[in-house]
Amino acid sequence: MDVMSSMAVFRRVVEAKNFSAVARETNMSQSTVSKHIASLEERLGTKLLNRSTRSLKLTEAGKEYYHHCIRILNDFQEAEASVGKGKIKPTGTLRISTSAAFGRTCILPYINEFFTAYPDINIDLLFDDDYIDLVKEGIDLAIRIGPLEDSTLIARKIGCSPRVVLASPEYLVKHGRPKKPADLTKHNCLFYSLQKTPDLWYFNSTQQGDESVRVTGRLKASSPDAICDATLEGLGISVICEWYAREHIKNGRLKVILADYKPTTFDIHAVYPERKFVPQKVKRMIEFLASKLD
């Protein structure tokens, strides 16, 4: 087996701590992944991993070899990028993590255009509303909306996501239209539970400046789909990203309220693991999305 390929597989097995996960992300069989590790162990004449049904641990030799693999693989990629100077076409599978709502609305519509521009790149979109460990899961790039947690990840702002306060026409007929943020305390508000303070809503007005209001409501959900659906059903008032609700606003199924008071705009970031060399496929996708979202 090719030594560099086996080293790359070994590195991913160590990071994912799982043979089957690496098999899935590389489109190999689990036995092929095992053969790569066995080939390295035979070549080196030492055991690199101790495996059981429940755990996978590096041997002392494995720990040392893992650090050498990182350096060698990174140096190899950097050498190709430096010498190629754009002559080497971006290739391979690009694994992108994003929320289901954003992925369907703001990435999928442009995928065909990206494929046309970069015919040698394949896309593996992973929809997940929770933040996941990019290194452990073998993710090349994540798109995250809103405040970022402190981490060793590298982040580049690629756009902004304005938000709007929404209610269905039926809800407004039945419960009235709030005129200012403070009026929301008299309404049933819908919470997106994955936010740090889902019941504390922030607004900005050119006349009134910044203000916040503590709202209450009977429904919270961890999915923006559910919050939007509940708003459409007339269950309450919500704050939703404008891009997500655009079609519902156009067709009149949702009404923008408190238009003079803008909820806090969220930044959109492309996030990727810290490394000396950033793969061309990652760079090209970040540049492409920035051109669409700016």
Protein backbone atom coordinates (compact mmCIF):
# COMPACT_ATOMS: atom_id res chain seq x y z
CA MET A 1 0.00 0.00 0.00
CA ASP A 2 1.08 3.60 -0.61
CA VAL A 3 2.78 4.79 2.58
CA MET A 4 1.46 8.36 2.40
CA SER A 5 -2.11 7.09 2.00
CA SER A 6 -1.66 4.75 4.95
CA MET A 7 -0.24 7.59 7.06
CA ALA A 8 -3.27 9.75 6.20
CA VAL A 9 -5.63 6.93 7.21
CA PHE A 10 -3.71 6.35 10.44
CA ARG A 11 -3.91 10.05 11.29
CA ARG A 12 -7.68 10.10 10.79
CA VAL A 13 -8.19 6.92 12.83
CA VAL A 14 -6.32 8.50 15.73
CA GLU A 15 -8.34 11.73 15.48
CA ALA A 16 -11.72 10.04 15.03
CA LYS A 17 -10.92 7.26 17.54
CA ASN A 18 -13.02 5.02 15.36
CA PHE A 19 -12.29 2.77 12.38
CA SER A 20 -15.86 2.71 11.03
CA ALA A 21 -16.16 6.53 11.04
CA VAL A 22 -12.98 6.82 8.95
CA ALA A 23 -14.26 4.12 6.61
CA ARG A 24 -17.47 6.11 6.05
CA GLU A 25 -15.77 9.44 5.40
CA THR A 26 -13.17 7.95 3.02
CA ASN A 27 -15.59 5.60 1.23
CA MET A 28 -13.43 2.62 2.19
CA SER A 29 -14.49 -0.63 3.78
CA GLN A 30 -13.57 -1.02 7.43
CA SER A 31 -11.31 -3.93 6.48
CA THR A 32 -9.40 -1.67 4.06
CA VAL A 33 -8.84 0.87 6.83
CA SER A 34 -7.54 -1.93 9.03
CA LYS A 35 -5.21 -3.08 6.24
CA HIS A 36 -3.69 0.41 6.02
CA ILE A 37 -2.89 0.33 9.74
CA ALA A 38 -1.59 -3.24 9.54
CA SER A 39 0.62 -2.28 6.59
CA LEU A 40 2.22 0.52 8.61
CA GLU A 41 2.72 -1.72 11.64
CA GLU A 42 4.35 -4.40 9.48
CA ARG A 43 6.56 -1.82 7.79
CA LEU A 44 7.66 -0.32 11.11
CA GLY A 45 7.88 -3.61 12.95
CA THR A 46 5.89 -2.33 15.92
CA LYS A 47 2.30 -2.00 17.11
CA LEU A 48 0.76 1.47 16.74
CA LEU A 49 -2.73 0.92 18.17
CA ASN A 50 -4.29 -1.20 20.86
CA ARG A 51 -7.87 -2.03 19.90
CA SER A 52 -10.75 -3.53 21.86
CA THR A 53 -14.50 -3.66 21.25
CA ARG A 54 -14.93 -0.46 23.27
CA SER A 55 -11.74 1.54 22.90
CA LEU A 56 -8.82 2.46 20.70
CA LYS A 57 -5.57 3.65 22.25
CA LEU A 58 -2.20 4.62 20.87
CA THR A 59 0.87 2.73 21.96
CA GLU A 60 3.94 4.76 22.91
CA ALA A 61 5.34 4.11 19.43
CA GLY A 62 1.97 5.07 17.97
CA LYS A 63 1.99 8.43 19.79
CA GLU A 64 5.43 9.26 18.42
CA TYR A 65 4.55 8.12 14.91
CA TYR A 66 1.26 10.10 14.93
CA HIS A 67 3.14 13.39 15.49
CA HIS A 68 5.56 12.52 12.70
CA CYS A 69 2.60 11.80 10.39
CA ILE A 70 1.07 15.21 11.06
CA ARG A 71 4.33 16.97 10.24
CA ILE A 72 5.04 14.91 7.12
CA LEU A 73 1.51 15.15 5.70
CA ASN A 74 1.30 18.90 6.34
CA ASP A 75 4.73 19.49 4.82
CA PHE A 76 3.72 17.45 1.77
CA GLN A 77 0.55 19.50 1.26
CA GLU A 78 2.38 22.77 1.79
CA ALA A 79 5.08 21.78 -0.72
CA GLU A 80 2.48 21.03 -3.38
CA ALA A 81 0.67 24.29 -2.73
CA SER A 82 3.88 26.33 -2.74
CA VAL A 83 5.36 24.83 -5.89
CA GLY A 84 2.05 24.54 -7.70
CA LYS A 85 1.12 28.21 -7.19
CA GLY A 86 -2.38 27.57 -8.45
CA LYS A 87 -1.34 25.10 -11.17
CA ILE A 88 -2.58 22.12 -9.14
CA LYS A 89 -6.34 21.81 -9.50
CA PRO A 90 -8.37 21.61 -6.27
CA THR A 91 -9.49 18.00 -5.91
CA GLY A 92 -11.04 15.57 -3.48
CA THR A 93 -14.11 15.42 -1.27
CA LEU A 94 -14.93 18.52 0.78
CA ARG A 95 -16.82 17.70 3.99
CA ILE A 96 -18.93 20.67 5.12
CA SER A 97 -20.89 20.92 8.37
CA THR A 98 -23.81 23.35 8.48
CA SER A 99 -27.27 23.68 9.93
CA ALA A 100 -29.97 21.97 7.89
CA ALA A 101 -31.86 25.23 7.33
CA PHE A 102 -28.84 27.21 6.14
CA GLY A 103 -27.50 24.36 4.04
CA ARG A 104 -30.75 23.86 2.16
CA THR A 105 -31.45 27.57 1.72
CA CYS A 106 -28.03 29.17 1.19
CA ILE A 107 -25.64 26.45 0.02
CA LEU A 108 -27.54 23.88 -2.04
CA PRO A 109 -28.88 26.46 -4.55
CA TYR A 110 -25.28 27.31 -5.52
CA ILE A 111 -23.75 23.82 -5.53
CA ASN A 112 -24.22 23.28 -9.27
CA GLU A 113 -22.39 26.54 -10.00
CA PHE A 114 -19.55 25.45 -7.71
CA PHE A 115 -19.36 22.05 -9.41
CA THR A 116 -19.10 23.76 -12.79
CA ALA A 117 -16.22 25.93 -11.58
CA TYR A 118 -14.43 23.07 -9.78
CA PRO A 119 -15.26 19.78 -11.53
CA ASP A 120 -12.73 17.77 -9.48
CA ILE A 121 -14.22 18.59 -6.07
CA ASN A 122 -17.00 16.52 -4.53
CA ILE A 123 -19.17 17.79 -1.67
CA ASP A 124 -20.27 15.90 1.43
CA LEU A 125 -22.80 18.09 3.26
CA LEU A 126 -23.46 17.17 6.88
CA PHE A 127 -26.55 18.82 8.35
CA ASP A 128 -26.37 19.31 12.11
CA ASP A 129 -27.74 22.17 14.21
CA ASP A 130 -25.28 21.39 17.03
CA TYR A 131 -21.63 22.38 16.95
CA ILE A 132 -19.51 19.28 16.35
CA ASP A 133 -15.81 18.52 16.78
CA LEU A 134 -14.39 19.21 13.32
CA VAL A 135 -11.13 17.34 13.85
CA LYS A 136 -12.71 14.26 15.41
CA GLU A 137 -15.41 14.05 12.72
CA GLY A 138 -13.04 14.77 9.83
CA ILE A 139 -14.83 17.95 8.79
CA ASP A 140 -12.94 20.28 6.44
CA LEU A 141 -15.19 23.31 6.85
CA ALA A 142 -18.12 24.42 9.01
CA ILE A 143 -20.52 27.29 8.43
CA ARG A 144 -21.63 28.86 11.69
CA ILE A 145 -24.10 31.66 12.29
CA GLY A 146 -24.01 33.86 15.37
CA PRO A 147 -21.45 34.38 18.16
CA LEU A 148 -18.51 31.97 18.04
CA GLU A 149 -17.23 30.05 21.01
CA ASP A 150 -13.56 30.43 21.89
CA SER A 151 -11.58 27.64 20.27
CA THR A 152 -8.45 26.80 18.32
CA LEU A 153 -10.45 26.87 15.10
CA ILE A 154 -9.79 29.48 12.43
CA ALA A 155 -12.79 31.61 11.47
CA ARG A 156 -13.37 33.91 8.52
CA LYS A 157 -16.44 36.12 8.27
CA ILE A 158 -18.18 35.47 4.93
CA GLY A 159 -21.45 37.35 5.37
CA CYS A 160 -24.17 38.67 7.64
CA SER A 161 -27.53 37.25 8.57
CA PRO A 162 -30.15 39.94 9.37
CA ARG A 163 -33.06 38.74 11.50
CA VAL A 164 -36.70 39.83 11.62
CA VAL A 165 -39.57 39.62 14.10
CA LEU A 166 -42.42 37.62 12.61
CA ALA A 167 -46.00 36.59 13.29
CA SER A 168 -48.77 35.10 11.20
CA PRO A 169 -51.68 37.31 10.08
CA GLU A 170 -54.01 35.08 12.11
CA TYR A 171 -52.01 35.59 15.29
CA LEU A 172 -51.98 39.38 14.83
CA VAL A 173 -55.75 39.49 14.27
CA LYS A 174 -56.33 37.48 17.41
CA HIS A 175 -53.72 39.03 19.74
CA GLY A 176 -52.91 42.45 18.27
CA ARG A 177 -49.69 43.89 16.84
CA PRO A 178 -46.90 44.97 19.23
CA LYS A 179 -45.70 48.52 18.60
CA LYS A 180 -42.40 48.40 20.52
CA PRO A 181 -40.17 45.66 21.95
CA ALA A 182 -41.56 46.10 25.47
CA ASP A 183 -44.99 45.06 24.14
CA LEU A 184 -43.61 41.57 23.48
CA THR A 185 -43.91 40.80 27.21
CA LYS A 186 -47.69 40.58 26.65
CA HIS A 187 -47.35 38.03 23.84
CA ASN A 188 -46.52 34.37 23.47
CA CYS A 189 -42.99 34.24 22.08
CA LEU A 190 -41.33 31.23 20.49
CA PHE A 191 -37.81 30.34 21.63
CA TYR A 192 -34.95 28.80 19.68
CA SER A 193 -33.53 26.80 22.57
CA LEU A 194 -29.97 26.40 21.20
CA GLN A 195 -29.26 30.10 21.75
CA LYS A 196 -27.43 30.97 24.95
CA THR A 197 -30.23 33.28 26.17
CA PRO A 198 -33.29 32.27 24.13
CA ASP A 199 -35.70 34.38 26.19
CA LEU A 200 -33.62 37.59 26.06
CA TRP A 201 -34.17 39.40 22.75
CA TYR A 202 -31.93 42.31 21.69
CA PHE A 203 -32.95 45.14 19.37
CA ASN A 204 -31.43 48.19 17.74
CA SER A 205 -33.31 51.31 16.64
CA THR A 206 -31.89 54.41 15.00
CA GLN A 207 -34.12 56.46 17.30
CA GLN A 208 -34.10 54.44 20.53
CA GLY A 209 -30.64 52.82 20.34
CA ASP A 210 -29.94 49.37 21.76
CA GLU A 211 -32.40 47.70 24.07
CA SER A 212 -33.30 44.23 25.27
CA VAL A 213 -36.50 42.63 26.50
CA ARG A 214 -37.09 39.47 28.50
CA VAL A 215 -39.90 37.59 26.77
CA THR A 216 -42.00 34.60 27.79
CA GLY A 217 -43.69 31.83 25.87
CA ARG A 218 -45.06 28.31 26.05
CA LEU A 219 -43.02 26.73 23.27
CA LYS A 220 -39.31 26.34 22.68
CA ALA A 221 -37.59 24.12 20.13
CA SER A 222 -34.04 23.23 19.09
CA SER A 223 -34.87 23.45 15.38
CA PRO A 224 -35.39 26.64 13.35
CA ASP A 225 -37.73 24.60 11.14
CA ALA A 226 -39.97 23.96 14.12
CA ILE A 227 -39.91 27.61 15.21
CA CYS A 228 -40.86 28.75 11.70
CA ASP A 229 -43.61 26.14 11.42
CA ALA A 230 -45.01 27.15 14.80
CA THR A 231 -45.03 30.80 13.71
CA LEU A 232 -46.87 29.87 10.51
CA GLU A 233 -49.44 27.98 12.63
CA GLY A 234 -50.14 31.14 14.62
CA LEU A 235 -48.69 29.85 17.88
CA GLY A 236 -46.73 33.00 18.64
CA ILE A 237 -44.11 35.58 17.68
CA SER A 238 -40.57 34.61 16.70
CA VAL A 239 -37.24 36.07 15.63
CA ILE A 240 -36.00 34.31 12.50
CA CYS A 241 -33.16 34.88 10.04
CA GLU A 242 -34.54 36.87 7.09
CA TRP A 243 -33.13 34.49 4.48
CA TYR A 244 -34.94 31.59 6.08
CA ALA A 245 -38.39 33.21 6.14
CA ARG A 246 -38.08 35.18 2.87
CA GLU A 247 -40.58 33.14 0.86
CA HIS A 248 -43.15 33.13 3.67
CA ILE A 249 -42.86 36.91 3.92
CA LYS A 250 -43.26 37.31 0.14
CA ASN A 251 -46.40 35.23 -0.02
CA GLY A 252 -47.93 36.93 3.03
CA ARG A 253 -48.04 33.89 5.29
CA LEU A 254 -45.78 35.74 7.76
CA LYS A 255 -45.75 39.43 8.60
CA VAL A 256 -42.71 41.45 9.68
CA ILE A 257 -43.52 43.36 12.87
CA LEU A 258 -41.49 45.92 14.82
CA ALA A 259 -39.83 46.86 11.53
CA ASP A 260 -38.22 49.95 13.12
CA TYR A 261 -36.51 47.76 15.71
CA LYS A 262 -33.89 45.45 14.24
CA PRO A 263 -32.95 42.28 16.13
CA THR A 264 -29.22 41.73 16.48
CA THR A 265 -27.67 40.75 13.13
CA PHE A 266 -25.69 37.53 13.23
CA ASP A 267 -22.34 37.17 11.45
CA ILE A 268 -21.80 34.15 9.20
CA HIS A 269 -18.39 32.51 9.59
CA ALA A 270 -16.54 29.82 7.71
CA VAL A 271 -14.68 27.82 10.34
CA TYR A 272 -11.94 25.25 9.85
CA PRO A 273 -9.28 23.48 11.93
CA GLU A 274 -6.06 25.37 12.59
CA ARG A 275 -3.30 24.09 10.34
CA LYS A 276 -0.16 25.33 8.63
CA PHE A 277 -1.61 24.55 5.21
CA VAL A 278 -5.24 25.16 4.23
CA PRO A 279 -6.28 22.81 1.39
CA GLN A 280 -7.16 24.44 -1.92
CA LYS A 281 -10.64 22.88 -1.86
CA VAL A 282 -11.35 24.66 1.45
CA LYS A 283 -10.01 28.01 0.20
CA ARG A 284 -12.06 27.81 -2.99
CA MET A 285 -15.31 27.05 -1.14
CA ILE A 286 -14.77 29.87 1.36
CA GLU A 287 -14.14 32.35 -1.45
CA PHE A 288 -17.15 31.05 -3.37
CA LEU A 289 -19.56 31.31 -0.43
CA ALA A 290 -18.24 34.76 0.51
CA SER A 291 -19.05 35.97 -3.01
CA LYS A 292 -22.62 34.67 -2.66
CA LEU A 293 -23.33 35.79 0.88
CA ASP A 294 -21.58 39.17 1.01
